[in-house]
Amino acid sequence: MGYTEKEFDEFVNVFLQKTKEAYFYGNYYKENYNNFGFKINLNLSIPGKNEKVGKVYNVTTNYMIFPNKKLKMNTPLGGWQ
């Protein structure tokens, strides 16, 4: 994606912002439900950086939504869309 090791914090901030946007706008699908809560997959579009500027990487991340409305990330980068 073009981010360097020195830009790790920037990547994490971009990743979190894109996750919040995807959840807010409903850009996710329900995977399954069990006694713990709902498992969802969020579709994220991460912009490239440095030599990859102008590219957009569409990835999937996985979260669990618990009955107490808390979210837990299960899989940060689980696959390409």
PDB file of N, CA and C in Angstrom:
ATOM      1  N   MET A   1       0.807  -1.193   0.000  1.00  0.00           N
ATOM      2  CA  MET A   1       0.000   0.000   0.000  1.00  0.00           C
ATOM      3  C   MET A   1       0.854   1.262   0.000  1.00  0.00           C
ATOM      4  N   GLY A   2       2.159   1.080   0.110  1.00  0.00           N
ATOM      5  CA  GLY A   2       3.065   2.206  -0.005  1.00  0.00           C
ATOM      6  C   GLY A   2       3.461   2.869   1.297  1.00  0.00           C
ATOM      7  N   TYR A   3       2.875   2.472   2.413  1.00  0.00           N
ATOM      8  CA  TYR A   3       3.236   3.063   3.699  1.00  0.00           C
ATOM      9  C   TYR A   3       4.554   2.461   4.168  1.00  0.00           C
ATOM     10  N   THR A   4       5.420   3.310   4.719  1.00  0.00           N
ATOM     11  CA  THR A   4       6.696   2.830   5.233  1.00  0.00           C
ATOM     12  C   THR A   4       6.558   2.499   6.715  1.00  0.00           C
ATOM     13  N   GLU A   5       7.581   1.888   7.254  1.00  0.00           N
ATOM     14  CA  GLU A   5       7.580   1.547   8.675  1.00  0.00           C
ATOM     15  C   GLU A   5       7.464   2.799   9.551  1.00  0.00           C
ATOM     16  N   LYS A   6       8.056   3.885   9.105  1.00  0.00           N
ATOM     17  CA  LYS A   6       7.993   5.151   9.855  1.00  0.00           C
ATOM     18  C   LYS A   6       6.586   5.749   9.831  1.00  0.00           C
ATOM     19  N   GLU A   7       5.768   5.340   8.876  1.00  0.00           N
ATOM     20  CA  GLU A   7       4.411   5.872   8.726  1.00  0.00           C
ATOM     21  C   GLU A   7       3.358   4.938   9.320  1.00  0.00           C
ATOM     22  N   PHE A   8       3.792   4.049  10.200  1.00  0.00           N
ATOM     23  CA  PHE A   8       2.881   3.079  10.808  1.00  0.00           C
ATOM     24  C   PHE A   8       1.722   3.764  11.523  1.00  0.00           C
ATOM     25  N   ASP A   9       2.013   4.773  12.347  1.00  0.00           N
ATOM     26  CA  ASP A   9       0.957   5.474  13.085  1.00  0.00           C
ATOM     27  C   ASP A   9      -0.043   6.137  12.132  1.00  0.00           C
ATOM     28  N   GLU A  10       0.462   6.687  11.044  1.00  0.00           N
ATOM     29  CA  GLU A  10      -0.424   7.299  10.050  1.00  0.00           C
ATOM     30  C   GLU A  10      -1.336   6.245   9.421  1.00  0.00           C
ATOM     31  N   PHE A  11      -0.762   5.078   9.092  1.00  0.00           N
ATOM     32  CA  PHE A  11      -1.559   3.999   8.517  1.00  0.00           C
ATOM     33  C   PHE A  11      -2.654   3.554   9.485  1.00  0.00           C
ATOM     34  N   VAL A  12      -2.306   3.407  10.764  1.00  0.00           N
ATOM     35  CA  VAL A  12      -3.289   2.992  11.771  1.00  0.00           C
ATOM     36  C   VAL A  12      -4.417   4.021  11.856  1.00  0.00           C
ATOM     37  N   ASN A  13      -4.074   5.308  11.828  1.00  0.00           N
ATOM     38  CA  ASN A  13      -5.102   6.354  11.877  1.00  0.00           C
ATOM     39  C   ASN A  13      -6.015   6.309  10.651  1.00  0.00           C
ATOM     40  N   VAL A  14      -5.431   6.111   9.475  1.00  0.00           N
ATOM     41  CA  VAL A  14      -6.229   5.996   8.248  1.00  0.00           C
ATOM     42  C   VAL A  14      -7.131   4.768   8.332  1.00  0.00           C
ATOM     43  N   PHE A  15      -6.567   3.665   8.781  1.00  0.00           N
ATOM     44  CA  PHE A  15      -7.310   2.415   8.907  1.00  0.00           C
ATOM     45  C   PHE A  15      -8.497   2.580   9.858  1.00  0.00           C
ATOM     46  N   LEU A  16      -8.273   3.200  11.011  1.00  0.00           N
ATOM     47  CA  LEU A  16      -9.357   3.404  11.977  1.00  0.00           C
ATOM     48  C   LEU A  16     -10.426   4.344  11.428  1.00  0.00           C
ATOM     49  N   GLN A  17     -10.017   5.402  10.746  1.00  0.00           N
ATOM     50  CA  GLN A  17     -10.973   6.338  10.170  1.00  0.00           C
ATOM     51  C   GLN A  17     -11.836   5.657   9.105  1.00  0.00           C
ATOM     52  N   LYS A  18     -11.200   4.872   8.248  1.00  0.00           N
ATOM     53  CA  LYS A  18     -11.942   4.163   7.203  1.00  0.00           C
ATOM     54  C   LYS A  18     -12.873   3.109   7.801  1.00  0.00           C
ATOM     55  N   THR A  19     -12.466   2.486   8.908  1.00  0.00           N
ATOM     56  CA  THR A  19     -13.317   1.521   9.600  1.00  0.00           C
ATOM     57  C   THR A  19     -14.552   2.201  10.160  1.00  0.00           C
ATOM     58  N   LYS A  20     -14.364   3.337  10.808  1.00  0.00           N
ATOM     59  CA  LYS A  20     -15.500   4.092  11.359  1.00  0.00           C
ATOM     60  C   LYS A  20     -16.456   4.529  10.252  1.00  0.00           C
ATOM     61  N   GLU A  21     -15.911   5.003   9.142  1.00  0.00           N
ATOM     62  CA  GLU A  21     -16.750   5.429   8.020  1.00  0.00           C
ATOM     63  C   GLU A  21     -17.562   4.260   7.463  1.00  0.00           C
ATOM     64  N   ALA A  22     -16.908   3.115   7.277  1.00  0.00           N
ATOM     65  CA  ALA A  22     -17.591   1.950   6.716  1.00  0.00           C
ATOM     66  C   ALA A  22     -18.721   1.496   7.636  1.00  0.00           C
ATOM     67  N   TYR A  23     -18.473   1.486   8.923  1.00  0.00           N
ATOM     68  CA  TYR A  23     -19.502   1.063   9.872  1.00  0.00           C
ATOM     69  C   TYR A  23     -20.647   2.069   9.896  1.00  0.00           C
ATOM     70  N   PHE A  24     -20.318   3.355   9.927  1.00  0.00           N
ATOM     71  CA  PHE A  24     -21.327   4.413   9.974  1.00  0.00           C
ATOM     72  C   PHE A  24     -22.235   4.370   8.743  1.00  0.00           C
ATOM     73  N   TYR A  25     -21.641   4.185   7.568  1.00  0.00           N
ATOM     74  CA  TYR A  25     -22.404   4.188   6.326  1.00  0.00           C
ATOM     75  C   TYR A  25     -22.993   2.814   5.967  1.00  0.00           C
ATOM     76  N   GLY A  26     -22.801   1.830   6.826  1.00  0.00           N
ATOM     77  CA  GLY A  26     -23.384   0.510   6.583  1.00  0.00           C
ATOM     78  C   GLY A  26     -22.688  -0.279   5.499  1.00  0.00           C
ATOM     79  N   ASN A  27     -21.407  -0.009   5.275  1.00  0.00           N
ATOM     80  CA  ASN A  27     -20.648  -0.722   4.249  1.00  0.00           C
ATOM     81  C   ASN A  27     -20.062  -2.011   4.843  1.00  0.00           C
ATOM     82  N   TYR A  28     -20.964  -2.891   5.253  1.00  0.00           N
ATOM     83  CA  TYR A  28     -20.567  -4.163   5.846  1.00  0.00           C
ATOM     84  C   TYR A  28     -21.661  -5.189   5.587  1.00  0.00           C
ATOM     85  N   TYR A  29     -21.327  -6.432   5.824  1.00  0.00           N
ATOM     86  CA  TYR A  29     -22.347  -7.472   5.751  1.00  0.00           C
ATOM     87  C   TYR A  29     -22.215  -8.376   6.965  1.00  0.00           C
ATOM     88  N   LYS A  30     -23.343  -8.902   7.396  1.00  0.00           N
ATOM     89  CA  LYS A  30     -23.376  -9.781   8.555  1.00  0.00           C
ATOM     90  C   LYS A  30     -22.886 -11.159   8.130  1.00  0.00           C
ATOM     91  N   GLU A  31     -21.960 -11.656   8.894  1.00  0.00           N
ATOM     92  CA  GLU A  31     -21.438 -12.980   8.574  1.00  0.00           C
ATOM     93  C   GLU A  31     -22.233 -14.065   9.295  1.00  0.00           C
ATOM     94  N   ASN A  32     -22.337 -13.954  10.616  1.00  0.00           N
ATOM     95  CA  ASN A  32     -23.145 -14.905  11.373  1.00  0.00           C
ATOM     96  C   ASN A  32     -23.439 -14.356  12.759  1.00  0.00           C
ATOM     97  N   TYR A  33     -24.329 -15.038  13.449  1.00  0.00           N
ATOM     98  CA  TYR A  33     -24.726 -14.644  14.793  1.00  0.00           C
ATOM     99  C   TYR A  33     -24.582 -15.857  15.697  1.00  0.00           C
ATOM    100  N   ASN A  34     -24.030 -15.630  16.897  1.00  0.00           N
ATOM    101  CA  ASN A  34     -23.974 -16.713  17.875  1.00  0.00           C
ATOM    102  C   ASN A  34     -24.312 -16.127  19.252  1.00  0.00           C
ATOM    103  N   ASN A  35     -24.119 -16.891  20.290  1.00  0.00           N
ATOM    104  CA  ASN A  35     -24.500 -16.416  21.622  1.00  0.00           C
ATOM    105  C   ASN A  35     -23.627 -15.260  22.108  1.00  0.00           C
ATOM    106  N   PHE A  36     -22.534 -14.948  21.428  1.00  0.00           N
ATOM    107  CA  PHE A  36     -21.680 -13.820  21.809  1.00  0.00           C
ATOM    108  C   PHE A  36     -22.107 -12.522  21.132  1.00  0.00           C
ATOM    109  N   GLY A  37     -22.623 -12.619  19.916  1.00  0.00           N
ATOM    110  CA  GLY A  37     -23.029 -11.435  19.170  1.00  0.00           C
ATOM    111  C   GLY A  37     -22.968 -11.661  17.673  1.00  0.00           C
ATOM    112  N   PHE A  38     -22.939 -10.548  16.919  1.00  0.00           N
ATOM    113  CA  PHE A  38     -22.873 -10.595  15.458  1.00  0.00           C
ATOM    114  C   PHE A  38     -21.441 -10.471  14.987  1.00  0.00           C
ATOM    115  N   LYS A  39     -21.096 -11.271  14.001  1.00  0.00           N
ATOM    116  CA  LYS A  39     -19.810 -11.158  13.335  1.00  0.00           C
ATOM    117  C   LYS A  39     -20.074 -10.437  12.018  1.00  0.00           C
ATOM    118  N   ILE A  40     -19.349  -9.343  11.764  1.00  0.00           N
ATOM    119  CA  ILE A  40     -19.551  -8.585  10.530  1.00  0.00           C
ATOM    120  C   ILE A  40     -18.235  -8.414   9.786  1.00  0.00           C
ATOM    121  N   ASN A  41     -18.335  -8.249   8.490  1.00  0.00           N
ATOM    122  CA  ASN A  41     -17.192  -7.926   7.636  1.00  0.00           C
ATOM    123  C   ASN A  41     -17.396  -6.522   7.101  1.00  0.00           C
ATOM    124  N   LEU A  42     -16.432  -5.657   7.344  1.00  0.00           N
ATOM    125  CA  LEU A  42     -16.479  -4.295   6.825  1.00  0.00           C
ATOM    126  C   LEU A  42     -15.614  -4.212   5.583  1.00  0.00           C
ATOM    127  N   ASN A  43     -16.107  -3.514   4.571  1.00  0.00           N
ATOM    128  CA  ASN A  43     -15.361  -3.297   3.338  1.00  0.00           C
ATOM    129  C   ASN A  43     -14.715  -1.916   3.409  1.00  0.00           C
ATOM    130  N   LEU A  44     -13.397  -1.881   3.382  1.00  0.00           N
ATOM    131  CA  LEU A  44     -12.645  -0.637   3.502  1.00  0.00           C
ATOM    132  C   LEU A  44     -11.934  -0.311   2.199  1.00  0.00           C
ATOM    133  N   SER A  45     -11.785   0.975   1.926  1.00  0.00           N
ATOM    134  CA  SER A  45     -11.004   1.455   0.786  1.00  0.00           C
ATOM    135  C   SER A  45      -9.859   2.289   1.356  1.00  0.00           C
ATOM    136  N   ILE A  46      -8.665   1.724   1.336  1.00  0.00           N
ATOM    137  CA  ILE A  46      -7.484   2.364   1.908  1.00  0.00           C
ATOM    138  C   ILE A  46      -6.700   3.037   0.784  1.00  0.00           C
ATOM    139  N   PRO A  47      -6.457   4.352   0.897  1.00  0.00           N
ATOM    140  CA  PRO A  47      -5.689   5.031  -0.152  1.00  0.00           C
ATOM    141  C   PRO A  47      -4.205   4.673  -0.073  1.00  0.00           C
ATOM    142  N   GLY A  48      -3.584   4.557  -1.231  1.00  0.00           N
ATOM    143  CA  GLY A  48      -2.156   4.275  -1.287  1.00  0.00           C
ATOM    144  C   GLY A  48      -1.344   5.497  -0.876  1.00  0.00           C
ATOM    145  N   LYS A  49      -0.084   5.279  -0.602  1.00  0.00           N
ATOM    146  CA  LYS A  49       0.814   6.338  -0.132  1.00  0.00           C
ATOM    147  C   LYS A  49       2.151   6.208  -0.869  1.00  0.00           C
ATOM    148  N   ASN A  50       2.883   7.297  -0.925  1.00  0.00           N
ATOM    149  CA  ASN A  50       4.218   7.347  -1.544  1.00  0.00           C
ATOM    150  C   ASN A  50       4.161   6.875  -2.994  1.00  0.00           C
ATOM    151  N   GLU A  51       4.880   5.804  -3.335  1.00  0.00           N
ATOM    152  CA  GLU A  51       4.910   5.343  -4.725  1.00  0.00           C
ATOM    153  C   GLU A  51       3.572   4.736  -5.161  1.00  0.00           C
ATOM    154  N   LYS A  52       2.685   4.468  -4.215  1.00  0.00           N
ATOM    155  CA  LYS A  52       1.369   3.890  -4.511  1.00  0.00           C
ATOM    156  C   LYS A  52       0.262   4.945  -4.465  1.00  0.00           C
ATOM    157  N   VAL A  53       0.635   6.235  -4.388  1.00  0.00           N
ATOM    158  CA  VAL A  53      -0.368   7.303  -4.324  1.00  0.00           C
ATOM    159  C   VAL A  53      -1.248   7.244  -5.569  1.00  0.00           C
ATOM    160  N   GLY A  54      -2.536   7.461  -5.379  1.00  0.00           N
ATOM    161  CA  GLY A  54      -3.483   7.378  -6.486  1.00  0.00           C
ATOM    162  C   GLY A  54      -4.168   6.025  -6.580  1.00  0.00           C
ATOM    163  N   LYS A  55      -3.597   5.002  -5.957  1.00  0.00           N
ATOM    164  CA  LYS A  55      -4.222   3.681  -5.932  1.00  0.00           C
ATOM    165  C   LYS A  55      -5.107   3.577  -4.696  1.00  0.00           C
ATOM    166  N   VAL A  56      -6.129   2.780  -4.800  1.00  0.00           N
ATOM    167  CA  VAL A  56      -7.015   2.516  -3.671  1.00  0.00           C
ATOM    168  C   VAL A  56      -7.060   1.006  -3.470  1.00  0.00           C
ATOM    169  N   TYR A  57      -6.855   0.586  -2.235  1.00  0.00           N
ATOM    170  CA  TYR A  57      -6.846  -0.834  -1.903  1.00  0.00           C
ATOM    171  C   TYR A  57      -8.135  -1.182  -1.177  1.00  0.00           C
ATOM    172  N   ASN A  58      -8.941  -2.030  -1.787  1.00  0.00           N
ATOM    173  CA  ASN A  58     -10.202  -2.461  -1.191  1.00  0.00           C
ATOM    174  C   ASN A  58      -9.952  -3.740  -0.415  1.00  0.00           C
ATOM    175  N   VAL A  59     -10.115  -3.655   0.903  1.00  0.00           N
ATOM    176  CA  VAL A  59      -9.848  -4.784   1.789  1.00  0.00           C
ATOM    177  C   VAL A  59     -11.055  -5.039   2.681  1.00  0.00           C
ATOM    178  N   THR A  60     -11.060  -6.210   3.281  1.00  0.00           N
ATOM    179  CA  THR A  60     -12.113  -6.598   4.207  1.00  0.00           C
ATOM    180  C   THR A  60     -11.513  -6.784   5.582  1.00  0.00           C
ATOM    181  N   THR A  61     -12.220  -6.319   6.604  1.00  0.00           N
ATOM    182  CA  THR A  61     -11.814  -6.508   7.985  1.00  0.00           C
ATOM    183  C   THR A  61     -12.998  -7.103   8.737  1.00  0.00           C
ATOM    184  N   ASN A  62     -12.731  -7.826   9.806  1.00  0.00           N
ATOM    185  CA  ASN A  62     -13.765  -8.565  10.503  1.00  0.00           C
ATOM    186  C   ASN A  62     -13.883  -8.107  11.948  1.00  0.00           C
ATOM    187  N   TYR A  63     -15.121  -7.860  12.388  1.00  0.00           N
ATOM    188  CA  TYR A  63     -15.397  -7.415  13.755  1.00  0.00           C
ATOM    189  C   TYR A  63     -16.497  -8.263  14.372  1.00  0.00           C
ATOM    190  N   MET A  64     -16.526  -8.265  15.696  1.00  0.00           N
ATOM    191  CA  MET A  64     -17.613  -8.866  16.447  1.00  0.00           C
ATOM    192  C   MET A  64     -18.342  -7.740  17.170  1.00  0.00           C
ATOM    193  N   ILE A  65     -19.673  -7.703  17.038  1.00  0.00           N
ATOM    194  CA  ILE A  65     -20.494  -6.730  17.753  1.00  0.00           C
ATOM    195  C   ILE A  65     -21.160  -7.481  18.900  1.00  0.00           C
ATOM    196  N   PHE A  66     -20.839  -7.078  20.120  1.00  0.00           N
ATOM    197  CA  PHE A  66     -21.375  -7.735  21.303  1.00  0.00           C
ATOM    198  C   PHE A  66     -22.698  -7.100  21.727  1.00  0.00           C
ATOM    199  N   PRO A  67     -23.524  -7.816  22.488  1.00  0.00           N
ATOM    200  CA  PRO A  67     -24.813  -7.270  22.929  1.00  0.00           C
ATOM    201  C   PRO A  67     -24.687  -5.957  23.714  1.00  0.00           C
ATOM    202  N   ASN A  68     -23.546  -5.732  24.371  1.00  0.00           N
ATOM    203  CA  ASN A  68     -23.355  -4.480  25.118  1.00  0.00           C
ATOM    204  C   ASN A  68     -22.905  -3.339  24.196  1.00  0.00           C
ATOM    205  N   LYS A  69     -23.005  -3.553  22.866  1.00  0.00           N
ATOM    206  CA  LYS A  69     -22.697  -2.568  21.820  1.00  0.00           C
ATOM    207  C   LYS A  69     -21.210  -2.280  21.653  1.00  0.00           C
ATOM    208  N   LYS A  70     -20.357  -3.107  22.209  1.00  0.00           N
ATOM    209  CA  LYS A  70     -18.920  -2.941  22.020  1.00  0.00           C
ATOM    210  C   LYS A  70     -18.484  -3.716  20.780  1.00  0.00           C
ATOM    211  N   LEU A  71     -17.467  -3.183  20.117  1.00  0.00           N
ATOM    212  CA  LEU A  71     -16.888  -3.830  18.941  1.00  0.00           C
ATOM    213  C   LEU A  71     -15.528  -4.407  19.288  1.00  0.00           C
ATOM    214  N   LYS A  72     -15.204  -5.543  18.696  1.00  0.00           N
ATOM    215  CA  LYS A  72     -13.877  -6.135  18.854  1.00  0.00           C
ATOM    216  C   LYS A  72     -13.389  -6.557  17.479  1.00  0.00           C
ATOM    217  N   MET A  73     -12.179  -6.112  17.127  1.00  0.00           N
ATOM    218  CA  MET A  73     -11.614  -6.502  15.841  1.00  0.00           C
ATOM    219  C   MET A  73     -11.110  -7.927  15.928  1.00  0.00           C
ATOM    220  N   ASN A  74     -11.601  -8.769  15.037  1.00  0.00           N
ATOM    221  CA  ASN A  74     -11.141 -10.150  14.965  1.00  0.00           C
ATOM    222  C   ASN A  74     -10.001 -10.293  13.961  1.00  0.00           C
ATOM    223  N   THR A  75     -10.175  -9.710  12.790  1.00  0.00           N
ATOM    224  CA  THR A  75      -9.199  -9.827  11.719  1.00  0.00           C
ATOM    225  C   THR A  75      -8.969  -8.456  11.108  1.00  0.00           C
ATOM    226  N   PRO A  76      -7.777  -7.849  11.284  1.00  0.00           N
ATOM    227  CA  PRO A  76      -7.532  -6.513  10.737  1.00  0.00           C
ATOM    228  C   PRO A  76      -7.626  -6.455   9.216  1.00  0.00           C
ATOM    229  N   LEU A  77      -6.862  -7.258   8.535  1.00  0.00           N
ATOM    230  CA  LEU A  77      -6.884  -7.294   7.065  1.00  0.00           C
ATOM    231  C   LEU A  77      -7.102  -8.726   6.637  1.00  0.00           C
ATOM    232  N   GLY A  78      -8.358  -9.071   6.378  1.00  0.00           N
ATOM    233  CA  GLY A  78      -8.684 -10.462   6.117  1.00  0.00           C
ATOM    234  C   GLY A  78      -8.694 -10.855   4.659  1.00  0.00           C
ATOM    235  N   GLY A  79      -8.786  -9.919   3.758  1.00  0.00           N
ATOM    236  CA  GLY A  79      -8.835 -10.306   2.361  1.00  0.00           C
ATOM    237  C   GLY A  79      -9.085  -9.130   1.465  1.00  0.00           C
ATOM    238  N   TRP A  80      -8.916  -9.365   0.201  1.00  0.00           N
ATOM    239  CA  TRP A  80      -9.133  -8.322  -0.802  1.00  0.00           C
ATOM    240  C   TRP A  80     -10.536  -8.461  -1.341  1.00  0.00           C
ATOM    241  N   GLN A  81     -11.164  -7.334  -1.639  1.00  0.00           N
ATOM    242  CA  GLN A  81     -12.522  -7.347  -2.188  1.00  0.00           C
ATOM    243  C   GLN A  81     -12.458  -7.581  -3.679  1.00  0.00           C
TER     244      GLN A  81
END
